[in-house]
Amino acid sequence: MTEETVHIRFATREDYPYLPEIERSAGALFRQVGIEELAEAEPVPQSYYEKLPPSVRLLIAELIGTGPVGFALVTEVDGEAHLKEISVCSDQAGRGIGRNLLKSVITDCRAQKWRALTLTTFQYVPFNAPFYGRMGFTLLEPDGQWPGLARILQKEREIFKEMGPRIAMIRGL
């Protein structure tokens, strides 16, 4: 796949119906690493995206001529950008779409004058922390400077405790 065949843009209301199915398809990849609970989980409903505040950054990856195949959702936590989710349809995995989405997120975050991009992820899932590490993210143990991120990480560690260790990561912008 060439970068010309993937177009990254900001979401419009017309994209919202596609997002739950993209999330469902992306979640199926967790079967490969033995995390059935996520593979079987119900996606976020379309209504969630319809109610997002204007400050949320929602980018869409589409293949020219086929429509949306991925998305990235960025919020603000502790005064910096936070990658809440990045999802790519399972039949498009390994084709560079997630990497292109993340590069676009980084570019957008810089344009918004954020200094850092944080996220939480599974430590040992190959398409989670190892992927983000290759993209310049490093481990972050949230402290007093990151109270919102610490709360998110703690909650996720409780929810996902049977599925594997959750970590926070950061990338300077």
Protein backbone atom coordinates (compact mmCIF):
# COMPACT_ATOMS: atom_id res chain seq x y z
CA MET A 1 0.00 0.00 0.00
CA THR A 2 1.24 3.44 -0.84
CA GLU A 3 0.52 6.48 1.22
CA GLU A 4 -1.39 7.89 -1.76
CA THR A 5 -4.08 5.22 -1.36
CA VAL A 6 -4.73 6.16 2.28
CA HIS A 7 -6.29 9.52 3.00
CA ILE A 8 -6.30 10.86 6.57
CA ARG A 9 -8.79 13.61 7.35
CA PHE A 10 -10.97 14.95 10.13
CA ALA A 11 -14.23 13.11 10.70
CA THR A 12 -17.58 14.42 9.61
CA ARG A 13 -21.01 13.35 10.87
CA GLU A 14 -21.27 11.11 7.81
CA ASP A 15 -18.40 9.01 9.21
CA TYR A 16 -20.03 8.24 12.58
CA PRO A 17 -22.06 5.21 11.39
CA TYR A 18 -18.81 3.49 10.29
CA LEU A 19 -16.97 3.89 13.60
CA PRO A 20 -18.63 1.13 15.67
CA GLU A 21 -17.96 -1.45 12.95
CA ILE A 22 -14.33 -0.30 12.59
CA GLU A 23 -13.93 -0.67 16.36
CA ARG A 24 -15.57 -4.12 16.32
CA SER A 25 -13.32 -5.27 13.48
CA ALA A 26 -10.18 -3.89 15.14
CA GLY A 27 -11.14 -5.54 18.42
CA ALA A 28 -11.21 -8.93 16.72
CA LEU A 29 -7.41 -8.75 16.48
CA PHE A 30 -7.23 -9.31 20.24
CA ARG A 31 -8.20 -12.94 19.59
CA GLN A 32 -4.72 -13.43 18.15
CA VAL A 33 -3.21 -12.62 21.54
CA GLY A 34 -5.73 -14.50 23.66
CA ILE A 35 -7.78 -11.54 24.87
CA GLU A 36 -11.23 -12.86 23.97
CA GLU A 37 -13.04 -10.36 26.19
CA LEU A 38 -11.95 -7.46 23.99
CA ALA A 39 -12.54 -9.41 20.80
CA GLU A 40 -16.14 -10.01 21.91
CA ALA A 41 -16.77 -6.58 23.44
CA GLU A 42 -19.52 -4.38 22.06
CA PRO A 43 -18.18 -1.29 20.33
CA VAL A 44 -18.97 2.23 21.41
CA PRO A 45 -22.33 3.22 19.86
CA GLN A 46 -22.60 5.81 17.12
CA SER A 47 -24.41 8.15 19.55
CA TYR A 48 -21.16 8.49 21.56
CA TYR A 49 -19.42 10.15 18.61
CA GLU A 50 -22.41 12.37 17.91
CA LYS A 51 -22.08 13.86 21.43
CA LEU A 52 -18.33 14.52 21.42
CA PRO A 53 -17.37 18.07 22.33
CA PRO A 54 -15.74 20.18 19.61
CA SER A 55 -12.39 20.02 21.42
CA VAL A 56 -12.05 16.29 20.66
CA ARG A 57 -9.92 15.52 17.60
CA LEU A 58 -11.31 12.66 15.52
CA LEU A 59 -9.31 11.62 12.48
CA ILE A 60 -10.44 9.15 9.82
CA ALA A 61 -8.34 6.91 7.61
CA GLU A 62 -10.00 6.00 4.37
CA LEU A 63 -8.90 4.02 1.40
CA ILE A 64 -9.52 5.97 -1.76
CA GLY A 65 -12.74 4.69 -3.27
CA THR A 66 -13.79 2.46 -0.36
CA GLY A 67 -14.53 4.67 2.64
CA PRO A 68 -13.36 4.73 6.28
CA VAL A 69 -11.19 1.85 7.51
CA GLY A 70 -9.72 3.41 10.65
CA PHE A 71 -9.92 6.25 13.11
CA ALA A 72 -8.05 7.96 15.93
CA LEU A 73 -9.66 9.80 18.83
CA VAL A 74 -7.65 12.42 20.73
CA THR A 75 -8.81 14.20 23.87
CA GLU A 76 -7.07 16.45 26.37
CA VAL A 77 -5.84 15.05 29.69
CA ASP A 78 -3.76 17.06 32.15
CA GLY A 79 -3.40 19.89 29.63
CA GLU A 80 -1.84 17.70 26.93
CA ALA A 81 -3.07 15.55 24.05
CA HIS A 82 -4.18 12.03 24.93
CA LEU A 83 -4.73 9.30 22.35
CA LYS A 84 -7.89 7.67 23.67
CA GLU A 85 -8.23 5.22 20.81
CA ILE A 86 -6.83 4.22 17.47
CA SER A 87 -8.63 1.49 15.54
CA VAL A 88 -8.10 -0.02 12.09
CA CYS A 89 -10.27 -2.69 10.48
CA SER A 90 -8.71 -6.11 10.97
CA ASP A 91 -8.64 -6.84 7.23
CA GLN A 92 -6.42 -3.76 6.81
CA ALA A 93 -4.00 -4.57 9.67
CA GLY A 94 -0.31 -4.53 8.86
CA ARG A 95 -0.69 -2.20 5.88
CA GLY A 96 0.60 0.98 7.56
CA ILE A 97 -2.79 2.58 8.13
CA GLY A 98 -2.36 2.78 11.92
CA ARG A 99 1.12 4.23 11.48
CA ASN A 100 -0.21 6.85 9.03
CA LEU A 101 -3.07 7.70 11.38
CA LEU A 102 -0.66 8.12 14.29
CA LYS A 103 1.66 10.32 12.23
CA SER A 104 -1.33 12.51 11.35
CA VAL A 105 -2.36 12.66 15.01
CA ILE A 106 1.15 13.80 15.94
CA THR A 107 1.12 16.47 13.22
CA ASP A 108 -2.30 17.72 14.36
CA CYS A 109 -1.24 17.78 18.02
CA ARG A 110 1.79 19.86 17.14
CA ALA A 111 -0.44 22.28 15.22
CA GLN A 112 -2.63 22.56 18.33
CA LYS A 113 0.51 23.54 20.30
CA TRP A 114 0.41 20.56 22.63
CA ARG A 115 3.82 19.58 23.96
CA ALA A 116 3.16 15.89 24.54
CA LEU A 117 0.90 13.04 23.47
CA THR A 118 0.01 10.40 26.08
CA LEU A 119 -1.84 7.11 25.85
CA THR A 120 -2.58 3.96 27.80
CA THR A 121 -2.13 0.53 26.28
CA PHE A 122 -1.39 -3.14 26.85
CA GLN A 123 2.28 -3.63 27.62
CA TYR A 124 2.86 -6.93 25.80
CA VAL A 125 0.39 -6.92 22.90
CA PRO A 126 2.54 -6.53 19.74
CA PHE A 127 0.20 -4.01 18.11
CA ASN A 128 0.00 -1.98 21.33
CA ALA A 129 3.04 -0.85 23.41
CA PRO A 130 5.71 -2.32 21.08
CA PHE A 131 4.11 -0.49 18.13
CA TYR A 132 3.97 2.78 20.05
CA GLY A 133 7.57 2.30 21.17
CA ARG A 134 8.63 2.10 17.51
CA MET A 135 6.73 5.35 16.96
CA GLY A 136 8.75 7.22 19.61
CA PHE A 137 6.64 6.71 22.74
CA THR A 138 8.29 5.86 26.04
CA LEU A 139 6.99 4.44 29.30
CA LEU A 140 5.47 7.00 31.68
CA GLU A 141 4.60 6.30 35.28
CA PRO A 142 2.00 9.01 35.96
CA ASP A 143 2.74 11.08 39.05
CA GLY A 144 1.49 14.34 40.51
CA GLN A 145 2.07 16.10 37.19
CA TRP A 146 -0.31 13.65 35.48
CA PRO A 147 -3.27 13.15 37.88
CA GLY A 148 -5.85 12.64 35.11
CA LEU A 149 -3.68 10.11 33.32
CA ALA A 150 -3.01 8.34 36.64
CA ARG A 151 -6.78 8.01 37.19
CA ILE A 152 -7.34 6.65 33.67
CA LEU A 153 -4.52 4.14 34.08
CA GLN A 154 -5.74 2.99 37.49
CA LYS A 155 -9.27 2.48 36.20
CA GLU A 156 -8.01 0.54 33.16
CA ARG A 157 -5.76 -1.61 35.33
CA GLU A 158 -8.85 -2.59 37.34
CA ILE A 159 -11.03 -3.23 34.28
CA PHE A 160 -8.39 -5.09 32.27
CA LYS A 161 -6.50 -6.82 35.11
CA GLU A 162 -7.25 -10.32 33.76
CA MET A 163 -6.20 -9.35 30.22
CA GLY A 164 -2.66 -8.17 30.83
CA PRO A 165 -0.69 -5.24 32.22
CA ARG A 166 -1.71 -1.74 31.21
CA ILE A 167 0.86 1.03 30.96
CA ALA A 168 0.97 4.73 30.14
CA MET A 169 3.26 6.06 27.44
CA ILE A 170 4.27 9.53 26.29
CA ARG A 171 5.81 11.11 23.23
CA GLY A 172 7.14 14.64 23.16
CA LEU A 173 5.90 16.78 20.32
